[in-house]
PDB file of N, CA and C in Angstrom:
ATOM      1  N   GLY A   1      15.258 -23.458  -3.491  1.00  0.00           N
ATOM      2  CA  GLY A   1      16.118 -23.467  -4.621  1.00  0.00           C
ATOM      3  C   GLY A   1      17.174 -22.378  -4.584  1.00  0.00           C
ATOM      4  N   LEU A   2      17.015 -21.393  -3.714  1.00  0.00           N
ATOM      5  CA  LEU A   2      17.993 -20.305  -3.677  1.00  0.00           C
ATOM      6  C   LEU A   2      19.002 -20.457  -2.551  1.00  0.00           C
ATOM      7  N   GLY A   3      18.820 -21.447  -1.689  1.00  0.00           N
ATOM      8  CA  GLY A   3      19.741 -21.645  -0.590  1.00  0.00           C
ATOM      9  C   GLY A   3      19.252 -20.983   0.682  1.00  0.00           C
ATOM     10  N   ARG A   4      20.108 -20.993   1.693  1.00  0.00           N
ATOM     11  CA  ARG A   4      19.779 -20.378   2.982  1.00  0.00           C
ATOM     12  C   ARG A   4      20.700 -19.194   3.214  1.00  0.00           C
ATOM     13  N   PHE A   5      20.080 -18.094   3.679  1.00  0.00           N
ATOM     14  CA  PHE A   5      20.842 -16.874   3.892  1.00  0.00           C
ATOM     15  C   PHE A   5      20.451 -16.258   5.219  1.00  0.00           C
ATOM     16  N   THR A   6      21.408 -15.651   5.877  1.00  0.00           N
ATOM     17  CA  THR A   6      21.124 -14.924   7.115  1.00  0.00           C
ATOM     18  C   THR A   6      20.590 -13.546   6.734  1.00  0.00           C
ATOM     19  N   PRO A   7      19.889 -12.866   7.652  1.00  0.00           N
ATOM     20  CA  PRO A   7      19.406 -11.516   7.338  1.00  0.00           C
ATOM     21  C   PRO A   7      20.515 -10.570   6.906  1.00  0.00           C
ATOM     22  N   GLU A   8      21.693 -10.730   7.475  1.00  0.00           N
ATOM     23  CA  GLU A   8      22.814  -9.864   7.119  1.00  0.00           C
ATOM     24  C   GLU A   8      23.264 -10.068   5.668  1.00  0.00           C
ATOM     25  N   GLU A   9      23.064 -11.261   5.137  1.00  0.00           N
ATOM     26  CA  GLU A   9      23.452 -11.563   3.762  1.00  0.00           C
ATOM     27  C   GLU A   9      22.441 -11.040   2.741  1.00  0.00           C
ATOM     28  N   VAL A  10      21.220 -10.823   3.169  1.00  0.00           N
ATOM     29  CA  VAL A  10      20.168 -10.372   2.261  1.00  0.00           C
ATOM     30  C   VAL A  10      20.308  -8.891   1.962  1.00  0.00           C
ATOM     31  N   GLY A  11      20.630  -8.120   2.959  1.00  0.00           N
ATOM     32  CA  GLY A  11      20.786  -6.684   2.751  1.00  0.00           C
ATOM     33  C   GLY A  11      19.865  -5.897   3.664  1.00  0.00           C
ATOM     34  N   PRO A  12      20.218  -4.656   3.938  1.00  0.00           N
ATOM     35  CA  PRO A  12      19.437  -3.835   4.862  1.00  0.00           C
ATOM     36  C   PRO A  12      18.151  -3.312   4.215  1.00  0.00           C
ATOM     37  N   VAL A  13      17.264  -2.843   5.048  1.00  0.00           N
ATOM     38  CA  VAL A  13      15.994  -2.280   4.595  1.00  0.00           C
ATOM     39  C   VAL A  13      16.232  -1.098   3.663  1.00  0.00           C
ATOM     40  N   THR A  14      17.266  -0.333   3.906  1.00  0.00           N
ATOM     41  CA  THR A  14      17.546   0.837   3.065  1.00  0.00           C
ATOM     42  C   THR A  14      17.834   0.450   1.619  1.00  0.00           C
ATOM     43  N   VAL A  15      18.239  -0.796   1.400  1.00  0.00           N
ATOM     44  CA  VAL A  15      18.477  -1.296   0.051  1.00  0.00           C
ATOM     45  C   VAL A  15      17.226  -1.987  -0.486  1.00  0.00           C
ATOM     46  N   GLN A  16      16.587  -2.824   0.347  1.00  0.00           N
ATOM     47  CA  GLN A  16      15.476  -3.643  -0.106  1.00  0.00           C
ATOM     48  C   GLN A  16      14.190  -2.848  -0.375  1.00  0.00           C
ATOM     49  N   ALA A  17      13.902  -1.833   0.429  1.00  0.00           N
ATOM     50  CA  ALA A  17      12.670  -1.055   0.232  1.00  0.00           C
ATOM     51  C   ALA A  17      12.663  -0.306  -1.105  1.00  0.00           C
ATOM     52  N   PRO A  18      13.722   0.423  -1.452  1.00  0.00           N
ATOM     53  CA  PRO A  18      13.713   1.094  -2.758  1.00  0.00           C
ATOM     54  C   PRO A  18      13.676   0.119  -3.949  1.00  0.00           C
ATOM     55  N   ASN A  19      14.169  -1.099  -3.752  1.00  0.00           N
ATOM     56  CA  ASN A  19      14.149  -2.101  -4.817  1.00  0.00           C
ATOM     57  C   ASN A  19      12.768  -2.709  -5.015  1.00  0.00           C
ATOM     58  N   GLY A  20      11.838  -2.437  -4.094  1.00  0.00           N
ATOM     59  CA  GLY A  20      10.489  -2.982  -4.202  1.00  0.00           C
ATOM     60  C   GLY A  20      10.314  -4.347  -3.574  1.00  0.00           C
ATOM     61  N   VAL A  21      11.301  -4.800  -2.808  1.00  0.00           N
ATOM     62  CA  VAL A  21      11.214  -6.106  -2.160  1.00  0.00           C
ATOM     63  C   VAL A  21      10.250  -6.053  -0.976  1.00  0.00           C
ATOM     64  N   ILE A  22      10.211  -4.919  -0.302  1.00  0.00           N
ATOM     65  CA  ILE A  22       9.341  -4.745   0.867  1.00  0.00           C
ATOM     66  C   ILE A  22       8.114  -3.952   0.420  1.00  0.00           C
ATOM     67  N   ASP A  23       6.939  -4.535   0.576  1.00  0.00           N
ATOM     68  CA  ASP A  23       5.708  -3.869   0.149  1.00  0.00           C
ATOM     69  C   ASP A  23       5.299  -2.741   1.089  1.00  0.00           C
ATOM     70  N   VAL A  24       5.339  -3.013   2.393  1.00  0.00           N
ATOM     71  CA  VAL A  24       4.927  -2.014   3.380  1.00  0.00           C
ATOM     72  C   VAL A  24       6.047  -1.873   4.395  1.00  0.00           C
ATOM     73  N   LEU A  25       6.633  -0.694   4.453  1.00  0.00           N
ATOM     74  CA  LEU A  25       7.721  -0.433   5.387  1.00  0.00           C
ATOM     75  C   LEU A  25       7.157   0.252   6.620  1.00  0.00           C
ATOM     76  N   VAL A  26       7.436  -0.306   7.802  1.00  0.00           N
ATOM     77  CA  VAL A  26       6.923   0.251   9.055  1.00  0.00           C
ATOM     78  C   VAL A  26       8.084   0.608   9.971  1.00  0.00           C
ATOM     79  N   ALA A  27       7.782   1.418  10.979  1.00  0.00           N
ATOM     80  CA  ALA A  27       8.823   1.919  11.874  1.00  0.00           C
ATOM     81  C   ALA A  27       9.242   0.900  12.927  1.00  0.00           C
ATOM     82  N   ASP A  28       8.271   0.119  13.428  1.00  0.00           N
ATOM     83  CA  ASP A  28       8.588  -0.805  14.517  1.00  0.00           C
ATOM     84  C   ASP A  28       7.588  -1.959  14.544  1.00  0.00           C
ATOM     85  N   GLU A  29       7.746  -2.859  15.524  1.00  0.00           N
ATOM     86  CA  GLU A  29       6.886  -4.036  15.607  1.00  0.00           C
ATOM     87  C   GLU A  29       5.434  -3.666  15.898  1.00  0.00           C
ATOM     88  N   ALA A  30       5.224  -2.642  16.704  1.00  0.00           N
ATOM     89  CA  ALA A  30       3.850  -2.228  17.025  1.00  0.00           C
ATOM     90  C   ALA A  30       3.110  -1.787  15.761  1.00  0.00           C
ATOM     91  N   GLU A  31       3.781  -1.028  14.918  1.00  0.00           N
ATOM     92  CA  GLU A  31       3.157  -0.601  13.665  1.00  0.00           C
ATOM     93  C   GLU A  31       2.985  -1.787  12.718  1.00  0.00           C
ATOM     94  N   ALA A  32       3.908  -2.730  12.740  1.00  0.00           N
ATOM     95  CA  ALA A  32       3.791  -3.927  11.909  1.00  0.00           C
ATOM     96  C   ALA A  32       2.549  -4.724  12.289  1.00  0.00           C
ATOM     97  N   VAL A  33       2.283  -4.834  13.582  1.00  0.00           N
ATOM     98  CA  VAL A  33       1.082  -5.539  14.046  1.00  0.00           C
ATOM     99  C   VAL A  33      -0.170  -4.798  13.599  1.00  0.00           C
ATOM    100  N   ARG A  34      -0.172  -3.472  13.715  1.00  0.00           N
ATOM    101  CA  ARG A  34      -1.330  -2.676  13.298  1.00  0.00           C
ATOM    102  C   ARG A  34      -1.604  -2.852  11.807  1.00  0.00           C
ATOM    103  N   VAL A  35      -0.553  -2.808  10.996  1.00  0.00           N
ATOM    104  CA  VAL A  35      -0.703  -2.947   9.552  1.00  0.00           C
ATOM    105  C   VAL A  35      -1.157  -4.367   9.197  1.00  0.00           C
ATOM    106  N   ALA A  36      -0.617  -5.368   9.874  1.00  0.00           N
ATOM    107  CA  ALA A  36      -1.032  -6.755   9.619  1.00  0.00           C
ATOM    108  C   ALA A  36      -2.512  -6.939   9.951  1.00  0.00           C
ATOM    109  N   ARG A  37      -2.965  -6.364  11.055  1.00  0.00           N
ATOM    110  CA  ARG A  37      -4.385  -6.450  11.415  1.00  0.00           C
ATOM    111  C   ARG A  37      -5.255  -5.740  10.386  1.00  0.00           C
ATOM    112  N   GLN A  38      -4.786  -4.592   9.898  1.00  0.00           N
ATOM    113  CA  GLN A  38      -5.531  -3.866   8.867  1.00  0.00           C
ATOM    114  C   GLN A  38      -5.665  -4.744   7.624  1.00  0.00           C
ATOM    115  N   TYR A  39      -4.576  -5.357   7.209  1.00  0.00           N
ATOM    116  CA  TYR A  39      -4.596  -6.209   6.029  1.00  0.00           C
ATOM    117  C   TYR A  39      -5.561  -7.384   6.207  1.00  0.00           C
ATOM    118  N   LEU A  40      -5.490  -8.047   7.348  1.00  0.00           N
ATOM    119  CA  LEU A  40      -6.365  -9.188   7.599  1.00  0.00           C
ATOM    120  C   LEU A  40      -7.837  -8.772   7.676  1.00  0.00           C
ATOM    121  N   SER A  41      -8.095  -7.528   8.080  1.00  0.00           N
ATOM    122  CA  SER A  41      -9.480  -7.057   8.176  1.00  0.00           C
ATOM    123  C   SER A  41     -10.139  -6.970   6.800  1.00  0.00           C
ATOM    124  N   TYR A  42      -9.365  -6.908   5.744  1.00  0.00           N
ATOM    125  CA  TYR A  42      -9.930  -6.844   4.400  1.00  0.00           C
ATOM    126  C   TYR A  42     -10.649  -8.136   4.018  1.00  0.00           C
ATOM    127  N   PHE A  43     -10.397  -9.210   4.744  1.00  0.00           N
ATOM    128  CA  PHE A  43     -10.964 -10.519   4.417  1.00  0.00           C
ATOM    129  C   PHE A  43     -12.066 -10.936   5.382  1.00  0.00           C
ATOM    130  N   GLN A  44     -12.627 -10.000   6.124  1.00  0.00           N
ATOM    131  CA  GLN A  44     -13.648 -10.329   7.110  1.00  0.00           C
ATOM    132  C   GLN A  44     -15.048 -10.401   6.528  1.00  0.00           C
ATOM    133  N   GLY A  45     -15.201 -10.054   5.276  1.00  0.00           N
ATOM    134  CA  GLY A  45     -16.524 -10.075   4.655  1.00  0.00           C
ATOM    135  C   GLY A  45     -17.134  -8.683   4.671  1.00  0.00           C
ATOM    136  N   ARG A  46     -18.430  -8.622   4.462  1.00  0.00           N
ATOM    137  CA  ARG A  46     -19.126  -7.334   4.411  1.00  0.00           C
ATOM    138  C   ARG A  46     -19.067  -6.626   5.757  1.00  0.00           C
ATOM    139  N   VAL A  47     -18.979  -5.326   5.702  1.00  0.00           N
ATOM    140  CA  VAL A  47     -19.003  -4.509   6.913  1.00  0.00           C
ATOM    141  C   VAL A  47     -20.247  -3.626   6.876  1.00  0.00           C
ATOM    142  N   PRO A  48     -20.819  -3.331   8.041  1.00  0.00           N
ATOM    143  CA  PRO A  48     -22.062  -2.555   8.059  1.00  0.00           C
ATOM    144  C   PRO A  48     -21.868  -1.079   7.716  1.00  0.00           C
ATOM    145  N   TYR A  49     -20.675  -0.567   7.932  1.00  0.00           N
ATOM    146  CA  TYR A  49     -20.441   0.856   7.700  1.00  0.00           C
ATOM    147  C   TYR A  49     -19.174   1.045   6.886  1.00  0.00           C
ATOM    148  N   TRP A  50     -19.233   1.891   5.890  1.00  0.00           N
ATOM    149  CA  TRP A  50     -18.064   2.273   5.117  1.00  0.00           C
ATOM    150  C   TRP A  50     -18.281   3.696   4.617  1.00  0.00           C
ATOM    151  N   GLU A  51     -17.211   4.311   4.222  1.00  0.00           N
ATOM    152  CA  GLU A  51     -17.279   5.700   3.783  1.00  0.00           C
ATOM    153  C   GLU A  51     -16.485   5.845   2.491  1.00  0.00           C
ATOM    154  N   ALA A  52     -17.080   6.491   1.519  1.00  0.00           N
ATOM    155  CA  ALA A  52     -16.411   6.703   0.236  1.00  0.00           C
ATOM    156  C   ALA A  52     -15.773   8.086   0.204  1.00  0.00           C
ATOM    157  N   THR A  53     -14.721   8.206  -0.568  1.00  0.00           N
ATOM    158  CA  THR A  53     -14.100   9.516  -0.764  1.00  0.00           C
ATOM    159  C   THR A  53     -14.803  10.215  -1.922  1.00  0.00           C
ATOM    160  N   ASP A  54     -14.522  11.483  -2.094  1.00  0.00           N
ATOM    161  CA  ASP A  54     -15.106  12.247  -3.187  1.00  0.00           C
ATOM    162  C   ASP A  54     -14.269  12.005  -4.440  1.00  0.00           C
ATOM    163  N   PRO A  55     -14.791  11.304  -5.436  1.00  0.00           N
ATOM    164  CA  PRO A  55     -13.992  10.956  -6.609  1.00  0.00           C
ATOM    165  C   PRO A  55     -13.750  12.121  -7.568  1.00  0.00           C
ATOM    166  N   ILE A  56     -14.289  13.283  -7.279  1.00  0.00           N
ATOM    167  CA  ILE A  56     -14.117  14.429  -8.185  1.00  0.00           C
ATOM    168  C   ILE A  56     -12.634  14.786  -8.355  1.00  0.00           C
ATOM    169  N   GLY A  57     -11.816  14.459  -7.346  1.00  0.00           N
ATOM    170  CA  GLY A  57     -10.386  14.729  -7.427  1.00  0.00           C
ATOM    171  C   GLY A  57      -9.700  13.986  -8.561  1.00  0.00           C
ATOM    172  N   LEU A  58     -10.307  12.884  -8.999  1.00  0.00           N
ATOM    173  CA  LEU A  58      -9.733  12.132 -10.125  1.00  0.00           C
ATOM    174  C   LEU A  58      -9.702  12.965 -11.393  1.00  0.00           C
ATOM    175  N   ARG A  59     -10.632  13.884 -11.510  1.00  0.00           N
ATOM    176  CA  ARG A  59     -10.720  14.706 -12.719  1.00  0.00           C
ATOM    177  C   ARG A  59      -9.415  15.455 -12.968  1.00  0.00           C
ATOM    178  N   HIS A  60      -8.768  15.897 -11.909  1.00  0.00           N
ATOM    179  CA  HIS A  60      -7.543  16.678 -12.048  1.00  0.00           C
ATOM    180  C   HIS A  60      -6.284  15.841 -11.816  1.00  0.00           C
ATOM    181  N   LEU A  61      -6.460  14.646 -11.286  1.00  0.00           N
ATOM    182  CA  LEU A  61      -5.310  13.807 -10.961  1.00  0.00           C
ATOM    183  C   LEU A  61      -4.813  13.019 -12.177  1.00  0.00           C
ATOM    184  N   VAL A  62      -5.717  12.405 -12.890  1.00  0.00           N
ATOM    185  CA  VAL A  62      -5.348  11.578 -14.033  1.00  0.00           C
ATOM    186  C   VAL A  62      -5.246  12.477 -15.265  1.00  0.00           C
ATOM    187  N   PRO A  63      -4.078  12.522 -15.900  1.00  0.00           N
ATOM    188  CA  PRO A  63      -3.896  13.403 -17.070  1.00  0.00           C
ATOM    189  C   PRO A  63      -4.636  12.863 -18.295  1.00  0.00           C
ATOM    190  N   GLU A  64      -4.975  13.758 -19.198  1.00  0.00           N
ATOM    191  CA  GLU A  64      -5.634  13.346 -20.438  1.00  0.00           C
ATOM    192  C   GLU A  64      -4.723  12.436 -21.257  1.00  0.00           C
ATOM    193  N   ASN A  65      -3.440  12.773 -21.284  1.00  0.00           N
ATOM    194  CA  ASN A  65      -2.461  11.948 -21.981  1.00  0.00           C
ATOM    195  C   ASN A  65      -2.071  10.799 -21.054  1.00  0.00           C
ATOM    196  N   ARG A  66      -2.521   9.590 -21.359  1.00  0.00           N
ATOM    197  CA  ARG A  66      -2.296   8.445 -20.479  1.00  0.00           C
ATOM    198  C   ARG A  66      -0.823   8.062 -20.353  1.00  0.00           C
ATOM    199  N   ARG A  67       0.030   8.634 -21.167  1.00  0.00           N
ATOM    200  CA  ARG A  67       1.464   8.331 -21.084  1.00  0.00           C
ATOM    201  C   ARG A  67       2.176   9.203 -20.050  1.00  0.00           C
ATOM    202  N   ARG A  68       1.494  10.179 -19.523  1.00  0.00           N
ATOM    203  CA  ARG A  68       2.095  11.046 -18.503  1.00  0.00           C
ATOM    204  C   ARG A  68       2.020  10.371 -17.139  1.00  0.00           C
ATOM    205  N   VAL A  69       2.938  10.738 -16.276  1.00  0.00           N
ATOM    206  CA  VAL A  69       3.013  10.165 -14.936  1.00  0.00           C
ATOM    207  C   VAL A  69       1.991  10.830 -14.027  1.00  0.00           C
ATOM    208  N   TYR A  70       1.382  10.040 -13.154  1.00  0.00           N
ATOM    209  CA  TYR A  70       0.491  10.584 -12.124  1.00  0.00           C
ATOM    210  C   TYR A  70       0.545   9.682 -10.908  1.00  0.00           C
ATOM    211  N   ASP A  71       0.050  10.173  -9.793  1.00  0.00           N
ATOM    212  CA  ASP A  71       0.108   9.470  -8.511  1.00  0.00           C
ATOM    213  C   ASP A  71      -0.951   8.374  -8.480  1.00  0.00           C
ATOM    214  N   THR A  72      -0.552   7.137  -8.816  1.00  0.00           N
ATOM    215  CA  THR A  72      -1.511   6.039  -8.879  1.00  0.00           C
ATOM    216  C   THR A  72      -2.052   5.663  -7.508  1.00  0.00           C
ATOM    217  N   LYS A  73      -1.230   5.800  -6.479  1.00  0.00           N
ATOM    218  CA  LYS A  73      -1.722   5.486  -5.127  1.00  0.00           C
ATOM    219  C   LYS A  73      -2.840   6.457  -4.743  1.00  0.00           C
ATOM    220  N   ARG A  74      -2.667   7.726  -5.046  1.00  0.00           N
ATOM    221  CA  ARG A  74      -3.713   8.713  -4.756  1.00  0.00           C
ATOM    222  C   ARG A  74      -4.976   8.407  -5.555  1.00  0.00           C
ATOM    223  N   ALA A  75      -4.819   7.970  -6.802  1.00  0.00           N
ATOM    224  CA  ALA A  75      -5.975   7.613  -7.620  1.00  0.00           C
ATOM    225  C   ALA A  75      -6.741   6.456  -6.984  1.00  0.00           C
ATOM    226  N   LEU A  76      -6.030   5.446  -6.501  1.00  0.00           N
ATOM    227  CA  LEU A  76      -6.693   4.331  -5.824  1.00  0.00           C
ATOM    228  C   LEU A  76      -7.404   4.778  -4.556  1.00  0.00           C
ATOM    229  N   GLU A  77      -6.779   5.692  -3.814  1.00  0.00           N
ATOM    230  CA  GLU A  77      -7.414   6.211  -2.596  1.00  0.00           C
ATOM    231  C   GLU A  77      -8.725   6.915  -2.906  1.00  0.00           C
ATOM    232  N   LEU A  78      -8.809   7.570  -4.061  1.00  0.00           N
ATOM    233  CA  LEU A  78     -10.029   8.274  -4.443  1.00  0.00           C
ATOM    234  C   LEU A  78     -11.110   7.330  -4.984  1.00  0.00           C
ATOM    235  N   ILE A  79     -10.702   6.162  -5.476  1.00  0.00           N
ATOM    236  CA  ILE A  79     -11.653   5.196  -6.016  1.00  0.00           C
ATOM    237  C   ILE A  79     -12.194   4.274  -4.926  1.00  0.00           C
ATOM    238  N   ALA A  80     -11.327   3.846  -4.021  1.00  0.00           N
ATOM    239  CA  ALA A  80     -11.697   2.839  -3.004  1.00  0.00           C
ATOM    240  C   ALA A  80     -12.356   3.495  -1.785  1.00  0.00           C
ATOM    241  N   ASP A  81     -12.871   2.651  -0.909  1.00  0.00           N
ATOM    242  CA  ASP A  81     -13.434   3.134   0.349  1.00  0.00           C
ATOM    243  C   ASP A  81     -12.352   3.858   1.156  1.00  0.00           C
ATOM    244  N   ARG A  82     -12.759   4.811   1.950  1.00  0.00           N
ATOM    245  CA  ARG A  82     -11.809   5.581   2.758  1.00  0.00           C
ATOM    246  C   ARG A  82     -11.022   4.662   3.686  1.00  0.00           C
ATOM    247  N   ASP A  83      -9.740   4.878   3.765  1.00  0.00           N
ATOM    248  CA  ASP A  83      -8.810   4.131   4.629  1.00  0.00           C
ATOM    249  C   ASP A  83      -8.750   2.636   4.308  1.00  0.00           C
ATOM    250  N   SER A  84      -9.017   2.256   3.054  1.00  0.00           N
ATOM    251  CA  SER A  84      -8.957   0.839   2.715  1.00  0.00           C
ATOM    252  C   SER A  84      -7.760   0.500   1.828  1.00  0.00           C
ATOM    253  N   ILE A  85      -6.924   1.454   1.527  1.00  0.00           N
ATOM    254  CA  ILE A  85      -5.735   1.206   0.726  1.00  0.00           C
ATOM    255  C   ILE A  85      -4.548   1.025   1.660  1.00  0.00           C
ATOM    256  N   LEU A  86      -3.830  -0.054   1.470  1.00  0.00           N
ATOM    257  CA  LEU A  86      -2.691  -0.341   2.341  1.00  0.00           C
ATOM    258  C   LEU A  86      -1.430   0.005   1.590  1.00  0.00           C
TER     259      LEU A  86
END
C-alpha cells in the first residue's frame, strides 16, 4: 500500500536509527549474523544452563517517583537472564 522505494529513497541509517525504525543497529554483516543467531536462539526452548544477574541493583536504578526517567534497558538486564536482552 505504500509503493516501492529504493534504499536511497528511504533514507540513511543515521536518520532511521534515531527515529526508532531500526531496532538493532550493527556495524557489519558478520555482526548482523551473530545478532540474528542470538535472536533465533531465544526460541529454542528450555536450556540446561542459565545465569541470573544480581537484582539488588534495581533498588537504586528505579526511582521512587515513577514519573522520573531511568534506564529501562538496564532494568531489563537486571531482571532477565544474563546476556538474554537483545
